[in-house]
Amino acid sequence: MKRPAGVKAAKASGKKTVAEENAMKEFHSMLSLKQQDLAVKDRMSKMRLLESLIAKKDPLVEYVEALKKKLVDELMLS
């Protein structure tokens, strides 16, 4: 009994090769590293901003003071 056209192709496309699985694992590991890198860069950016706000000698405007408090809270909790 013959199979309809395209059945073999459909079955073959459903099976993943080892190379494809390895490529996906590598992609996911690179993605997780990139996400960690972005999180560290974001934290460093916030720390630099907070340092510049703390270093200012003149009194801060109300909204800048609120930003400073928010940054302190975020950086202390994480």
PDB file of N, CA and C in Angstrom:
ATOM      1  N   MET A   1       0.846  -1.167   0.000  1.00  0.00           N
ATOM      2  CA  MET A   1       0.000   0.000   0.000  1.00  0.00           C
ATOM      3  C   MET A   1       0.900   1.241   0.000  1.00  0.00           C
ATOM      4  N   LYS A   2       0.640   2.154  -0.900  1.00  0.00           N
ATOM      5  CA  LYS A   2       1.439   3.372  -1.019  1.00  0.00           C
ATOM      6  C   LYS A   2       0.858   4.475  -0.137  1.00  0.00           C
ATOM      7  N   ARG A   3       1.759   5.266   0.375  1.00  0.00           N
ATOM      8  CA  ARG A   3       1.332   6.412   1.179  1.00  0.00           C
ATOM      9  C   ARG A   3       0.999   7.566   0.257  1.00  0.00           C
ATOM     10  N   PRO A   4       0.131   8.454   0.718  1.00  0.00           N
ATOM     11  CA  PRO A   4      -0.153   9.649  -0.083  1.00  0.00           C
ATOM     12  C   PRO A   4       1.098  10.518  -0.198  1.00  0.00           C
ATOM     13  N   ALA A   5       1.152  11.327  -1.218  1.00  0.00           N
ATOM     14  CA  ALA A   5       2.306  12.201  -1.458  1.00  0.00           C
ATOM     15  C   ALA A   5       2.472  13.162  -0.288  1.00  0.00           C
ATOM     16  N   GLY A   6       3.695  13.325   0.137  1.00  0.00           N
ATOM     17  CA  GLY A   6       3.998  14.279   1.195  1.00  0.00           C
ATOM     18  C   GLY A   6       4.031  13.687   2.587  1.00  0.00           C
ATOM     19  N   VAL A   7       3.609  12.444   2.769  1.00  0.00           N
ATOM     20  CA  VAL A   7       3.602  11.856   4.103  1.00  0.00           C
ATOM     21  C   VAL A   7       5.026  11.647   4.609  1.00  0.00           C
ATOM     22  N   LYS A   8       5.901  11.143   3.738  1.00  0.00           N
ATOM     23  CA  LYS A   8       7.293  10.934   4.145  1.00  0.00           C
ATOM     24  C   LYS A   8       7.959  12.263   4.506  1.00  0.00           C
ATOM     25  N   ALA A   9       7.704  13.263   3.707  1.00  0.00           N
ATOM     26  CA  ALA A   9       8.297  14.579   3.964  1.00  0.00           C
ATOM     27  C   ALA A   9       7.781  15.142   5.280  1.00  0.00           C
ATOM     28  N   ALA A  10       6.509  14.954   5.562  1.00  0.00           N
ATOM     29  CA  ALA A  10       5.936  15.458   6.806  1.00  0.00           C
ATOM     30  C   ALA A  10       6.529  14.731   8.007  1.00  0.00           C
ATOM     31  N   LYS A  11       6.723  13.433   7.881  1.00  0.00           N
ATOM     32  CA  LYS A  11       7.316  12.668   8.975  1.00  0.00           C
ATOM     33  C   LYS A  11       8.766  13.088   9.206  1.00  0.00           C
ATOM     34  N   ALA A  12       9.506  13.277   8.134  1.00  0.00           N
ATOM     35  CA  ALA A  12      10.916  13.646   8.246  1.00  0.00           C
ATOM     36  C   ALA A  12      11.083  15.032   8.855  1.00  0.00           C
ATOM     37  N   SER A  13      10.186  15.949   8.523  1.00  0.00           N
ATOM     38  CA  SER A  13      10.319  17.300   9.063  1.00  0.00           C
ATOM     39  C   SER A  13       9.967  17.339  10.543  1.00  0.00           C
ATOM     40  N   GLY A  14       9.223  16.362  11.021  1.00  0.00           N
ATOM     41  CA  GLY A  14       8.859  16.310  12.433  1.00  0.00           C
ATOM     42  C   GLY A  14       9.986  15.854  13.332  1.00  0.00           C
ATOM     43  N   LYS A  15      10.980  15.205  12.787  1.00  0.00           N
ATOM     44  CA  LYS A  15      12.100  14.695  13.575  1.00  0.00           C
ATOM     45  C   LYS A  15      13.236  15.715  13.584  1.00  0.00           C
ATOM     46  N   LYS A  16      13.685  16.037  14.767  1.00  0.00           N
ATOM     47  CA  LYS A  16      14.792  16.984  14.880  1.00  0.00           C
ATOM     48  C   LYS A  16      16.111  16.232  14.841  1.00  0.00           C
ATOM     49  N   THR A  17      17.075  16.854  14.245  1.00  0.00           N
ATOM     50  CA  THR A  17      18.402  16.252  14.223  1.00  0.00           C
ATOM     51  C   THR A  17      19.181  16.707  15.452  1.00  0.00           C
ATOM     52  N   VAL A  18      20.242  16.031  15.729  1.00  0.00           N
ATOM     53  CA  VAL A  18      21.091  16.370  16.873  1.00  0.00           C
ATOM     54  C   VAL A  18      21.704  17.749  16.681  1.00  0.00           C
ATOM     55  N   ALA A  19      22.054  18.078  15.454  1.00  0.00           N
ATOM     56  CA  ALA A  19      22.655  19.387  15.176  1.00  0.00           C
ATOM     57  C   ALA A  19      21.669  20.507  15.473  1.00  0.00           C
ATOM     58  N   GLU A  20      20.403  20.305  15.124  1.00  0.00           N
ATOM     59  CA  GLU A  20      19.393  21.331  15.398  1.00  0.00           C
ATOM     60  C   GLU A  20      19.200  21.499  16.902  1.00  0.00           C
ATOM     61  N   GLU A  21      19.190  20.387  17.633  1.00  0.00           N
ATOM     62  CA  GLU A  21      19.032  20.468  19.084  1.00  0.00           C
ATOM     63  C   GLU A  21      20.215  21.186  19.721  1.00  0.00           C
ATOM     64  N   ASN A  22      21.417  20.880  19.259  1.00  0.00           N
ATOM     65  CA  ASN A  22      22.604  21.550  19.792  1.00  0.00           C
ATOM     66  C   ASN A  22      22.576  23.036  19.471  1.00  0.00           C
ATOM     67  N   ALA A  23      22.132  23.376  18.279  1.00  0.00           N
ATOM     68  CA  ALA A  23      22.042  24.786  17.901  1.00  0.00           C
ATOM     69  C   ALA A  23      21.033  25.510  18.787  1.00  0.00           C
ATOM     70  N   MET A  24      19.916  24.857  19.086  1.00  0.00           N
ATOM     71  CA  MET A  24      18.908  25.477  19.953  1.00  0.00           C
ATOM     72  C   MET A  24      19.441  25.652  21.372  1.00  0.00           C
ATOM     73  N   LYS A  25      20.157  24.662  21.883  1.00  0.00           N
ATOM     74  CA  LYS A  25      20.735  24.767  23.226  1.00  0.00           C
ATOM     75  C   LYS A  25      21.737  25.917  23.281  1.00  0.00           C
ATOM     76  N   GLU A  26      22.557  26.026  22.248  1.00  0.00           N
ATOM     77  CA  GLU A  26      23.548  27.103  22.193  1.00  0.00           C
ATOM     78  C   GLU A  26      22.860  28.462  22.122  1.00  0.00           C
ATOM     79  N   PHE A  27      21.801  28.541  21.333  1.00  0.00           N
ATOM     80  CA  PHE A  27      21.054  29.790  21.219  1.00  0.00           C
ATOM     81  C   PHE A  27      20.450  30.183  22.562  1.00  0.00           C
ATOM     82  N   HIS A  28      19.854  29.222  23.264  1.00  0.00           N
ATOM     83  CA  HIS A  28      19.246  29.522  24.561  1.00  0.00           C
ATOM     84  C   HIS A  28      20.300  29.930  25.588  1.00  0.00           C
ATOM     85  N   SER A  29      21.463  29.308  25.551  1.00  0.00           N
ATOM     86  CA  SER A  29      22.509  29.698  26.493  1.00  0.00           C
ATOM     87  C   SER A  29      23.023  31.103  26.181  1.00  0.00           C
ATOM     88  N   MET A  30      23.170  31.424  24.892  1.00  0.00           N
ATOM     89  CA  MET A  30      23.597  32.779  24.521  1.00  0.00           C
ATOM     90  C   MET A  30      22.533  33.802  24.909  1.00  0.00           C
ATOM     91  N   LEU A  31      21.262  33.441  24.750  1.00  0.00           N
ATOM     92  CA  LEU A  31      20.174  34.347  25.111  1.00  0.00           C
ATOM     93  C   LEU A  31      20.179  34.615  26.610  1.00  0.00           C
ATOM     94  N   SER A  32      20.367  33.590  27.410  1.00  0.00           N
ATOM     95  CA  SER A  32      20.384  33.795  28.857  1.00  0.00           C
ATOM     96  C   SER A  32      21.588  34.636  29.279  1.00  0.00           C
ATOM     97  N   LEU A  33      22.739  34.430  28.643  1.00  0.00           N
ATOM     98  CA  LEU A  33      23.908  35.261  28.944  1.00  0.00           C
ATOM     99  C   LEU A  33      23.659  36.715  28.574  1.00  0.00           C
ATOM    100  N   LYS A  34      23.021  36.937  27.434  1.00  0.00           N
ATOM    101  CA  LYS A  34      22.719  38.299  26.986  1.00  0.00           C
ATOM    102  C   LYS A  34      21.756  38.978  27.958  1.00  0.00           C
ATOM    103  N   GLN A  35      20.757  38.237  28.441  1.00  0.00           N
ATOM    104  CA  GLN A  35      19.810  38.806  29.392  1.00  0.00           C
ATOM    105  C   GLN A  35      20.502  39.161  30.699  1.00  0.00           C
ATOM    106  N   GLN A  36      21.398  38.306  31.159  1.00  0.00           N
ATOM    107  CA  GLN A  36      22.150  38.604  32.376  1.00  0.00           C
ATOM    108  C   GLN A  36      23.031  39.829  32.173  1.00  0.00           C
ATOM    109  N   ASP A  37      23.649  39.931  31.013  1.00  0.00           N
ATOM    110  CA  ASP A  37      24.506  41.069  30.691  1.00  0.00           C
ATOM    111  C   ASP A  37      23.702  42.366  30.691  1.00  0.00           C
ATOM    112  N   LEU A  38      22.515  42.330  30.091  1.00  0.00           N
ATOM    113  CA  LEU A  38      21.667  43.520  30.064  1.00  0.00           C
ATOM    114  C   LEU A  38      21.214  43.910  31.467  1.00  0.00           C
ATOM    115  N   ALA A  39      20.935  42.935  32.310  1.00  0.00           N
ATOM    116  CA  ALA A  39      20.529  43.225  33.685  1.00  0.00           C
ATOM    117  C   ALA A  39      21.671  43.897  34.450  1.00  0.00           C
ATOM    118  N   VAL A  40      22.884  43.417  34.248  1.00  0.00           N
ATOM    119  CA  VAL A  40      24.046  44.012  34.919  1.00  0.00           C
ATOM    120  C   VAL A  40      24.275  45.432  34.412  1.00  0.00           C
ATOM    121  N   LYS A  41      24.156  45.633  33.105  1.00  0.00           N
ATOM    122  CA  LYS A  41      24.340  46.977  32.542  1.00  0.00           C
ATOM    123  C   LYS A  41      23.290  47.942  33.072  1.00  0.00           C
ATOM    124  N   ASP A  42      22.052  47.475  33.209  1.00  0.00           N
ATOM    125  CA  ASP A  42      20.976  48.314  33.732  1.00  0.00           C
ATOM    126  C   ASP A  42      21.265  48.699  35.178  1.00  0.00           C
ATOM    127  N   ARG A  43      21.702  47.736  35.967  1.00  0.00           N
ATOM    128  CA  ARG A  43      22.031  48.008  37.369  1.00  0.00           C
ATOM    129  C   ARG A  43      23.194  48.998  37.477  1.00  0.00           C
ATOM    130  N   MET A  44      24.213  48.830  36.645  1.00  0.00           N
ATOM    131  CA  MET A  44      25.352  49.746  36.674  1.00  0.00           C
ATOM    132  C   MET A  44      24.936  51.158  36.268  1.00  0.00           C
ATOM    133  N   SER A  45      24.048  51.254  35.299  1.00  0.00           N
ATOM    134  CA  SER A  45      23.562  52.558  34.862  1.00  0.00           C
ATOM    135  C   SER A  45      22.825  53.262  36.000  1.00  0.00           C
ATOM    136  N   LYS A  46      21.994  52.514  36.708  1.00  0.00           N
ATOM    137  CA  LYS A  46      21.265  53.093  37.841  1.00  0.00           C
ATOM    138  C   LYS A  46      22.224  53.508  38.945  1.00  0.00           C
ATOM    139  N   MET A  47      23.262  52.712  39.164  1.00  0.00           N
ATOM    140  CA  MET A  47      24.237  53.055  40.205  1.00  0.00           C
ATOM    141  C   MET A  47      24.993  54.335  39.854  1.00  0.00           C
ATOM    142  N   ARG A  48      25.367  54.475  38.575  1.00  0.00           N
ATOM    143  CA  ARG A  48      26.065  55.700  38.150  1.00  0.00           C
ATOM    144  C   ARG A  48      25.171  56.925  38.325  1.00  0.00           C
ATOM    145  N   LEU A  49      23.896  56.785  37.976  1.00  0.00           N
ATOM    146  CA  LEU A  49      22.956  57.896  38.133  1.00  0.00           C
ATOM    147  C   LEU A  49      22.813  58.260  39.605  1.00  0.00           C
ATOM    148  N   LEU A  50      22.691  57.261  40.454  1.00  0.00           N
ATOM    149  CA  LEU A  50      22.572  57.513  41.889  1.00  0.00           C
ATOM    150  C   LEU A  50      23.836  58.177  42.432  1.00  0.00           C
ATOM    151  N   GLU A  51      24.988  57.725  41.996  1.00  0.00           N
ATOM    152  CA  GLU A  51      26.245  58.341  42.440  1.00  0.00           C
ATOM    153  C   GLU A  51      26.306  59.811  42.053  1.00  0.00           C
ATOM    154  N   SER A  52      25.854  60.125  40.843  1.00  0.00           N
ATOM    155  CA  SER A  52      25.885  61.530  40.412  1.00  0.00           C
ATOM    156  C   SER A  52      24.898  62.371  41.219  1.00  0.00           C
ATOM    157  N   LEU A  53      23.755  61.781  41.590  1.00  0.00           N
ATOM    158  CA  LEU A  53      22.785  62.526  42.399  1.00  0.00           C
ATOM    159  C   LEU A  53      23.299  62.729  43.818  1.00  0.00           C
ATOM    160  N   ILE A  54      23.973  61.743  44.360  1.00  0.00           N
ATOM    161  CA  ILE A  54      24.516  61.865  45.716  1.00  0.00           C
ATOM    162  C   ILE A  54      25.656  62.877  45.750  1.00  0.00           C
ATOM    163  N   ALA A  55      26.429  62.958  44.678  1.00  0.00           N
ATOM    164  CA  ALA A  55      27.593  63.842  44.638  1.00  0.00           C
ATOM    165  C   ALA A  55      27.220  65.317  44.522  1.00  0.00           C
ATOM    166  N   LYS A  56      26.001  65.621  44.114  1.00  0.00           N
ATOM    167  CA  LYS A  56      25.605  67.026  43.966  1.00  0.00           C
ATOM    168  C   LYS A  56      25.558  67.703  45.330  1.00  0.00           C
ATOM    169  N   LYS A  57      26.127  68.896  45.392  1.00  0.00           N
ATOM    170  CA  LYS A  57      26.205  69.637  46.649  1.00  0.00           C
ATOM    171  C   LYS A  57      24.966  70.494  46.890  1.00  0.00           C
ATOM    172  N   ASP A  58      24.429  71.081  45.816  1.00  0.00           N
ATOM    173  CA  ASP A  58      23.280  71.968  45.982  1.00  0.00           C
ATOM    174  C   ASP A  58      22.020  71.145  46.265  1.00  0.00           C
ATOM    175  N   PRO A  59      21.015  71.778  46.896  1.00  0.00           N
ATOM    176  CA  PRO A  59      19.784  71.050  47.219  1.00  0.00           C
ATOM    177  C   PRO A  59      19.085  70.558  45.944  1.00  0.00           C
ATOM    178  N   LEU A  60      18.528  69.381  46.031  1.00  0.00           N
ATOM    179  CA  LEU A  60      17.886  68.773  44.871  1.00  0.00           C
ATOM    180  C   LEU A  60      16.420  69.189  44.782  1.00  0.00           C
ATOM    181  N   VAL A  61      15.949  69.267  43.556  1.00  0.00           N
ATOM    182  CA  VAL A  61      14.535  69.552  43.322  1.00  0.00           C
ATOM    183  C   VAL A  61      13.739  68.350  43.834  1.00  0.00           C
ATOM    184  N   GLU A  62      12.478  68.573  44.128  1.00  0.00           N
ATOM    185  CA  GLU A  62      11.644  67.534  44.745  1.00  0.00           C
ATOM    186  C   GLU A  62      11.580  66.253  43.911  1.00  0.00           C
ATOM    187  N   TYR A  63      11.387  66.388  42.589  1.00  0.00           N
ATOM    188  CA  TYR A  63      11.273  65.189  41.754  1.00  0.00           C
ATOM    189  C   TYR A  63      12.611  64.460  41.615  1.00  0.00           C
ATOM    190  N   VAL A  64      13.713  65.199  41.705  1.00  0.00           N
ATOM    191  CA  VAL A  64      15.030  64.563  41.651  1.00  0.00           C
ATOM    192  C   VAL A  64      15.292  63.817  42.962  1.00  0.00           C
ATOM    193  N   GLU A  65      14.854  64.401  44.054  1.00  0.00           N
ATOM    194  CA  GLU A  65      14.985  63.732  45.353  1.00  0.00           C
ATOM    195  C   GLU A  65      14.159  62.447  45.386  1.00  0.00           C
ATOM    196  N   ALA A  66      12.966  62.491  44.771  1.00  0.00           N
ATOM    197  CA  ALA A  66      12.124  61.291  44.692  1.00  0.00           C
ATOM    198  C   ALA A  66      12.800  60.214  43.840  1.00  0.00           C
ATOM    199  N   LEU A  67      13.426  60.625  42.744  1.00  0.00           N
ATOM    200  CA  LEU A  67      14.158  59.682  41.895  1.00  0.00           C
ATOM    201  C   LEU A  67      15.314  59.052  42.668  1.00  0.00           C
ATOM    202  N   LYS A  68      15.998  59.869  43.439  1.00  0.00           N
ATOM    203  CA  LYS A  68      17.124  59.382  44.239  1.00  0.00           C
ATOM    204  C   LYS A  68      16.647  58.330  45.246  1.00  0.00           C
ATOM    205  N   LYS A  69      15.545  58.604  45.919  1.00  0.00           N
ATOM    206  CA  LYS A  69      15.008  57.644  46.891  1.00  0.00           C
ATOM    207  C   LYS A  69      14.570  56.354  46.203  1.00  0.00           C
ATOM    208  N   LYS A  70      13.962  56.495  45.033  1.00  0.00           N
ATOM    209  CA  LYS A  70      13.516  55.316  44.282  1.00  0.00           C
ATOM    210  C   LYS A  70      14.709  54.456  43.874  1.00  0.00           C
ATOM    211  N   LEU A  71      15.771  55.085  43.396  1.00  0.00           N
ATOM    212  CA  LEU A  71      16.971  54.347  42.995  1.00  0.00           C
ATOM    213  C   LEU A  71      17.615  53.640  44.187  1.00  0.00           C
ATOM    214  N   VAL A  72      17.655  54.314  45.318  1.00  0.00           N
ATOM    215  CA  VAL A  72      18.225  53.700  46.516  1.00  0.00           C
ATOM    216  C   VAL A  72      17.410  52.469  46.896  1.00  0.00           C
ATOM    217  N   ASP A  73      16.091  52.600  46.883  1.00  0.00           N
ATOM    218  CA  ASP A  73      15.231  51.460  47.223  1.00  0.00           C
ATOM    219  C   ASP A  73      15.437  50.295  46.259  1.00  0.00           C
ATOM    220  N   GLU A  74      15.473  50.580  44.959  1.00  0.00           N
ATOM    221  CA  GLU A  74      15.648  49.524  43.955  1.00  0.00           C
ATOM    222  C   GLU A  74      16.981  48.811  44.113  1.00  0.00           C
ATOM    223  N   LEU A  75      18.032  49.580  44.323  1.00  0.00           N
ATOM    224  CA  LEU A  75      19.365  48.984  44.397  1.00  0.00           C
ATOM    225  C   LEU A  75      19.590  48.238  45.709  1.00  0.00           C
ATOM    226  N   MET A  76      18.918  48.646  46.762  1.00  0.00           N
ATOM    227  CA  MET A  76      19.073  47.946  48.036  1.00  0.00           C
ATOM    228  C   MET A  76      18.286  46.638  48.055  1.00  0.00           C
ATOM    229  N   LEU A  77      17.165  46.600  47.350  1.00  0.00           N
ATOM    230  CA  LEU A  77      16.337  45.391  47.340  1.00  0.00           C
ATOM    231  C   LEU A  77      16.887  44.315  46.421  1.00  0.00           C
ATOM    232  N   SER A  78      17.587  44.712  45.368  1.00  0.00           N
ATOM    233  CA  SER A  78      18.070  43.698  44.422  1.00  0.00           C
ATOM    234  C   SER A  78      19.463  43.235  44.718  1.00  0.00           C
TER     235      SER A  78
END
